[in-house]
Protein backbone atom coordinates (compact mmCIF):
# COMPACT_ATOMS: atom_id res chain seq x y z
CA MET A 1 -16.54 -78.95 -39.34
CA SER A 2 -13.04 -78.48 -41.03
CA HIS A 3 -9.99 -78.46 -37.93
CA ARG A 4 -9.68 -74.89 -39.59
CA ASP A 5 -12.68 -73.45 -38.83
CA GLU A 6 -12.40 -74.75 -35.67
CA ILE A 7 -9.31 -72.91 -34.80
CA LEU A 8 -10.86 -69.59 -36.59
CA GLU A 9 -13.82 -70.28 -34.08
CA LEU A 10 -11.80 -70.23 -31.15
CA PHE A 11 -10.14 -66.98 -32.04
CA GLN A 12 -13.40 -65.15 -33.63
CA ARG A 13 -14.83 -65.91 -29.72
CA ALA A 14 -11.61 -64.71 -28.07
CA ALA A 15 -12.13 -61.60 -29.88
CA THR A 16 -15.32 -60.58 -29.36
CA ASP A 17 -15.51 -61.00 -26.07
CA ARG A 18 -16.48 -58.20 -24.20
CA GLU A 19 -17.78 -60.29 -20.86
CA HIS A 20 -14.46 -61.57 -19.43
CA GLY A 21 -10.80 -59.89 -18.47
CA ALA A 22 -8.14 -60.06 -20.46
CA VAL A 23 -6.71 -63.12 -18.62
CA GLU A 24 -9.75 -64.89 -18.64
CA ILE A 25 -10.19 -64.68 -22.67
CA GLU A 26 -5.84 -65.72 -22.89
CA ALA A 27 -6.88 -68.81 -20.62
CA ALA A 28 -9.78 -69.82 -22.68
CA LEU A 29 -8.31 -69.56 -26.11
CA ILE A 30 -4.78 -71.65 -25.16
CA GLN A 31 -7.06 -74.58 -23.06
CA GLY A 32 -9.12 -74.80 -26.75
CA LEU A 33 -6.21 -74.48 -28.64
CA LEU A 34 -4.32 -77.17 -26.31
CA ALA A 35 -7.50 -79.43 -27.07
CA LEU A 36 -6.87 -79.52 -30.65
CA GLY A 37 -2.98 -79.96 -30.01
CA THR A 38 -1.46 -81.79 -32.85
CA ARG A 39 -4.40 -80.73 -35.33
CA LEU A 40 -2.91 -77.08 -35.35
CA ARG A 41 -2.50 -75.39 -38.98
CA LEU A 42 -0.27 -72.09 -39.14
CA ASP A 43 -2.29 -70.81 -41.96
CA SER A 44 -5.20 -71.17 -39.77
CA LEU A 45 -3.44 -69.64 -36.49
CA HIS A 46 -1.96 -67.04 -38.46
CA LYS A 47 -5.85 -65.59 -40.25
CA GLY A 48 -7.11 -65.74 -36.17
CA LEU A 49 -4.33 -64.03 -35.10
CA LYS A 50 -5.56 -61.29 -37.02
CA ALA A 51 -9.30 -61.40 -35.65
CA LEU A 52 -7.86 -61.30 -32.04
CA SER A 53 -5.60 -58.29 -33.00
CA GLU A 54 -8.35 -56.35 -34.66
CA GLY A 55 -10.75 -57.43 -31.84
CA GLN A 56 -8.93 -56.91 -29.11
CA PRO A 57 -6.31 -54.08 -29.97
CA ALA A 58 -6.12 -53.17 -26.08
CA MET A 59 -5.26 -56.26 -24.34
CA ALA A 60 -1.59 -56.93 -23.73
CA ASN A 61 -1.38 -60.19 -22.77
CA LEU A 62 -3.67 -61.06 -26.10
CA ARG A 63 -1.21 -58.61 -28.00
CA GLU A 64 1.82 -60.40 -27.03
CA MET A 65 0.06 -63.88 -27.83
CA ALA A 66 -0.53 -62.91 -31.13
CA GLY A 67 3.18 -61.36 -31.75
CA TRP A 68 4.93 -64.88 -30.48
CA MET A 69 2.55 -66.70 -32.30
CA ALA A 70 3.36 -65.22 -35.90
CA ALA A 71 7.24 -66.29 -35.55
CA VAL A 72 6.35 -70.00 -34.51
CA GLU A 73 8.03 -72.45 -36.73
CA SER A 74 5.60 -75.51 -36.33
CA PRO A 75 2.04 -76.63 -33.90
CA ALA A 76 4.31 -78.26 -32.25
CA SER A 77 6.07 -75.74 -30.76
CA CYS A 78 3.16 -73.65 -30.79
CA VAL A 79 1.92 -76.46 -28.20
CA SER A 80 4.67 -76.69 -26.16
CA ARG A 81 4.95 -72.91 -25.40
CA LEU A 82 0.89 -72.71 -25.27
CA ALA A 83 1.10 -74.99 -22.17
CA ARG A 84 3.80 -73.47 -20.40
CA ARG A 85 1.89 -70.57 -20.60
CA ALA A 86 -1.40 -72.60 -19.56
CA ALA A 87 0.57 -73.61 -16.12
CA VAL A 88 1.28 -69.94 -15.63
CA LEU A 89 -2.18 -68.58 -15.71
CA GLN A 90 -3.43 -71.19 -13.74
CA GLU A 91 -1.01 -70.28 -11.11
CA LEU A 92 -1.39 -66.32 -11.47
CA PRO A 93 -4.20 -65.63 -9.82
CA ASP A 94 -3.32 -67.33 -6.32
CA ARG A 95 0.53 -65.79 -6.97
CA LEU A 96 -1.36 -61.87 -7.42
CA ALA A 97 -3.53 -62.43 -4.02
CA ALA A 98 -0.47 -63.06 -1.95
CA ASN A 99 1.38 -60.27 -3.40
CA ALA A 100 -1.94 -58.15 -2.36
CA TRP A 101 -2.66 -59.54 0.30
CA PRO A 102 -0.53 -57.22 2.60
CA PHE A 103 -2.74 -54.16 0.91
CA LEU A 104 -5.78 -55.45 1.80
CA ALA A 105 -5.69 -57.12 5.18
CA THR A 106 -5.99 -54.06 7.66
CA SER A 107 -8.83 -52.41 5.02
CA ARG A 108 -12.07 -52.12 5.75
CA THR A 109 -13.13 -50.91 2.22
CA ILE A 110 -11.62 -51.43 -1.36
CA VAL A 111 -12.75 -49.03 -3.94
CA THR A 112 -12.12 -50.44 -7.88
CA ILE A 113 -13.49 -49.36 -11.07
CA SER A 114 -14.34 -51.07 -13.86
CA ARG A 115 -14.03 -54.44 -14.46
CA SER A 116 -10.23 -56.70 -13.72
CA SER A 117 -10.35 -60.08 -13.92
CA ALA A 118 -7.38 -59.57 -11.90
CA VAL A 119 -8.62 -57.25 -8.85
CA ALA A 120 -11.78 -60.09 -8.79
CA ALA A 121 -9.12 -62.74 -8.39
CA VAL A 122 -7.48 -60.63 -5.37
CA LEU A 123 -10.95 -59.73 -3.77
CA GLU A 124 -12.13 -63.14 -4.37
CA ARG A 125 -9.23 -65.24 -2.29
CA ALA A 126 -9.10 -61.98 0.29
CA TRP A 127 -12.56 -63.04 1.44
CA GLY A 128 -11.61 -66.53 1.11
CA ARG A 129 -9.10 -66.48 3.36
CA GLY A 130 -11.26 -64.64 5.80
CA TRP A 131 -11.21 -60.65 5.05
CA ASP A 132 -14.48 -59.23 6.00
CA GLY A 133 -13.94 -55.70 4.45
CA SER A 134 -16.68 -54.54 1.81
CA VAL A 135 -15.77 -53.48 -1.85
CA VAL A 136 -17.32 -50.68 -3.65
CA VAL A 137 -17.37 -51.15 -7.58
CA LEU A 138 -17.94 -47.79 -9.82
CA ASP A 139 -18.87 -47.80 -13.11
CA GLY A 140 -15.89 -46.55 -15.24
CA THR A 141 -18.39 -44.71 -17.63
CA ALA A 142 -20.95 -46.86 -18.72
CA SER A 143 -18.55 -48.62 -21.24
CA GLY A 144 -16.44 -49.47 -17.94
CA ARG A 145 -18.75 -52.62 -16.95
CA GLY A 146 -18.49 -52.25 -13.22
CA ALA A 147 -22.16 -53.50 -12.80
CA ASP A 148 -20.55 -56.56 -14.22
CA GLN A 149 -17.67 -56.58 -11.63
CA ALA A 150 -19.64 -55.76 -9.47
CA ARG A 151 -22.08 -58.67 -9.91
CA ARG A 152 -19.58 -60.83 -9.60
CA LEU A 153 -18.26 -60.14 -6.69
CA GLY A 154 -21.57 -60.03 -5.17
CA THR A 155 -21.45 -63.66 -4.97
CA SER A 156 -18.18 -63.83 -2.39
CA GLY A 157 -18.68 -61.13 -0.24
CA SER A 158 -19.93 -57.08 0.27
CA VAL A 159 -20.42 -54.96 -2.63
CA VAL A 160 -22.00 -52.07 -3.75
CA SER A 161 -22.10 -50.57 -7.67
CA GLN A 162 -21.95 -46.91 -8.02
CA PRO A 163 -21.69 -44.36 -10.43
CA ASP A 164 -18.03 -42.27 -10.79
CA SER A 165 -20.16 -39.42 -9.16
CA GLU A 166 -19.86 -41.16 -5.90
CA ALA A 167 -16.40 -41.90 -5.62
CA LEU A 168 -15.44 -38.91 -3.51
CA LYS A 169 -17.73 -39.67 -1.17
CA VAL A 170 -16.58 -43.61 -0.55
CA LEU A 171 -13.07 -42.14 -0.20
CA ASN A 172 -14.24 -40.00 2.48
CA GLN A 173 -14.59 -43.48 4.35
CA PRO A 174 -12.11 -45.16 6.72
CA SER A 175 -9.51 -47.20 6.00
CA VAL A 176 -9.55 -47.10 1.77
CA VAL A 177 -7.76 -48.64 -0.48
CA VAL A 178 -8.05 -48.24 -4.04
CA LEU A 179 -7.30 -51.35 -6.35
CA VAL A 180 -7.65 -50.99 -10.02
CA GLY A 181 -6.29 -53.46 -13.13
CA ALA A 182 -5.13 -52.58 -15.95
CA ASP A 183 -5.18 -53.55 -19.75
CA ALA A 184 -1.58 -52.95 -20.36
CA VAL A 185 1.34 -50.98 -18.67
CA GLY A 186 4.08 -48.92 -19.81
CA ARG A 187 7.26 -47.61 -18.15
CA ARG A 188 5.23 -44.05 -17.48
CA ARG A 189 1.52 -44.96 -17.90
CA PHE A 190 -1.28 -47.96 -17.77
CA VAL A 191 -4.13 -48.53 -19.95
CA ASN A 192 -7.73 -48.75 -18.21
CA SER A 193 -11.15 -47.92 -18.30
CA ALA A 194 -12.17 -44.54 -18.52
CA GLY A 195 -12.27 -42.57 -15.61
CA THR A 196 -9.70 -44.46 -13.68
CA GLY A 197 -7.09 -41.72 -13.74
CA ASP A 198 -10.27 -38.98 -12.23
CA LEU A 199 -10.46 -41.78 -9.17
CA LEU A 200 -6.65 -42.26 -8.72
CA ALA A 201 -5.93 -38.10 -8.65
CA ALA A 202 -9.19 -37.84 -5.87
CA ALA A 203 -7.80 -41.04 -4.09
CA ARG A 204 -4.17 -39.11 -4.16
CA CYS A 205 -5.80 -35.88 -2.71
CA THR A 206 -6.96 -37.19 -0.22
CA ASP A 207 -4.32 -39.62 1.41
CA VAL A 208 -5.66 -42.60 0.16
CA GLU A 209 -3.48 -46.00 -0.61
CA THR A 210 -3.90 -46.79 -4.45
CA VAL A 211 -2.86 -50.33 -5.62
CA LEU A 212 -2.65 -51.34 -9.56
CA VAL A 213 -2.52 -55.18 -10.10
CA ALA A 214 -1.54 -56.48 -13.28
CA ASP A 215 1.06 -59.24 -13.94
CA SER A 216 4.05 -58.65 -16.14
CA GLY A 217 2.23 -60.27 -18.83
CA LYS A 218 0.87 -56.94 -19.22
CA ASP A 219 4.31 -54.75 -19.69
CA VAL A 220 4.22 -52.65 -23.39
CA THR A 221 6.52 -50.44 -24.37
CA GLU A 222 4.92 -46.28 -24.07
CA ASP A 223 4.60 -46.48 -28.32
CA VAL A 224 2.22 -49.75 -27.29
CA VAL A 225 0.35 -47.59 -25.09
CA ASP A 226 0.10 -45.05 -27.58
CA GLU A 227 -1.10 -47.38 -29.87
CA ILE A 228 -3.83 -48.45 -28.19
CA LEU A 229 -5.10 -45.35 -26.96
CA ARG A 230 -5.36 -44.74 -30.97
CA LEU A 231 -7.55 -48.03 -31.75
CA SER A 232 -9.89 -47.76 -28.53
CA PRO A 233 -13.10 -48.19 -29.73
CA LEU A 234 -15.84 -45.08 -28.72
CA TYR A 235 -18.27 -45.44 -26.20
CA ARG A 236 -21.31 -43.64 -27.96
CA GLU A 237 -24.04 -42.57 -25.42
CA SER A 238 -25.30 -40.01 -27.86
CA ALA A 239 -24.90 -38.67 -31.52
CA GLU A 240 -23.43 -35.81 -29.64
CA ARG A 241 -21.89 -37.56 -26.91
CA GLU A 242 -19.56 -40.22 -27.36
CA TRP A 243 -15.52 -40.81 -25.31
CA PRO A 244 -13.26 -43.14 -25.69
CA ILE A 245 -13.40 -46.50 -23.32
CA PHE A 246 -9.40 -46.34 -22.73
CA GLU A 247 -7.56 -44.03 -21.06
CA ALA A 248 -3.57 -43.82 -20.36
CA ILE A 249 -3.23 -42.78 -16.48
CA PRO A 250 0.51 -41.77 -15.31
CA LEU A 251 1.91 -45.02 -12.85
CA GLU A 252 3.05 -42.40 -10.38
CA LEU A 253 -0.64 -42.11 -9.21
CA VAL A 254 -0.32 -45.36 -7.99
CA VAL A 255 1.58 -46.13 -4.50
CA ALA A 256 2.10 -49.39 -5.65
CA ARG A 257 1.91 -52.65 -8.41
CA VAL A 258 1.04 -55.78 -7.74
CA THR A 259 2.59 -58.62 -10.01
CA GLU A 260 3.19 -62.15 -9.60
């Protein structure tokens, strides 16, 4: 296999990854590119970036990565920047978990929705430091892959997977906090799986604290939020029933944002 093919394969793997969160996909791609080191070729990078942009239009960190990579002037400068970003990503889960801990410490139940590597990192580390609460993961419709998130978290603590229709019942439990992730965060809205807005609105109506966990690599302009929604793929349940996988949620529905 040529070096060029290796590079394209890394990008294609990232572009088609539907099993992992945005940060996990970015980290795996960076590690693969760093392993190639000085064998990177700018022409191959640019072709790979096109596949990445088309395959993962909603993930702000990957959009950011594609943007700066398109402007690099040499493989060496690309490797240097990739190494710096890799160091940030290595520390990111612990930083997010530490900053989110004050919101979790006194809670008995965390309600989340869909799949988020940031939320998973926070919860796994909370259990690791002795938190004995439980987690309810809502589906985020069938496209949100909440069941996948529940399976992952189930290896670390007490987790229940529930359909979105159970949200109100869950929110009426004592000491509940709603914790959600994001694919992108604008100045007024953030992007996450369909169903997130309804969950947060219900939580605010029942005086349940709502927290968004999303690192600064997810920050985008409001124009990009609109573009992500325009490019959002549809989940098709049947010929008569389909909906966008992502939606934009007003930031005013969250009490706090946790970042690094």
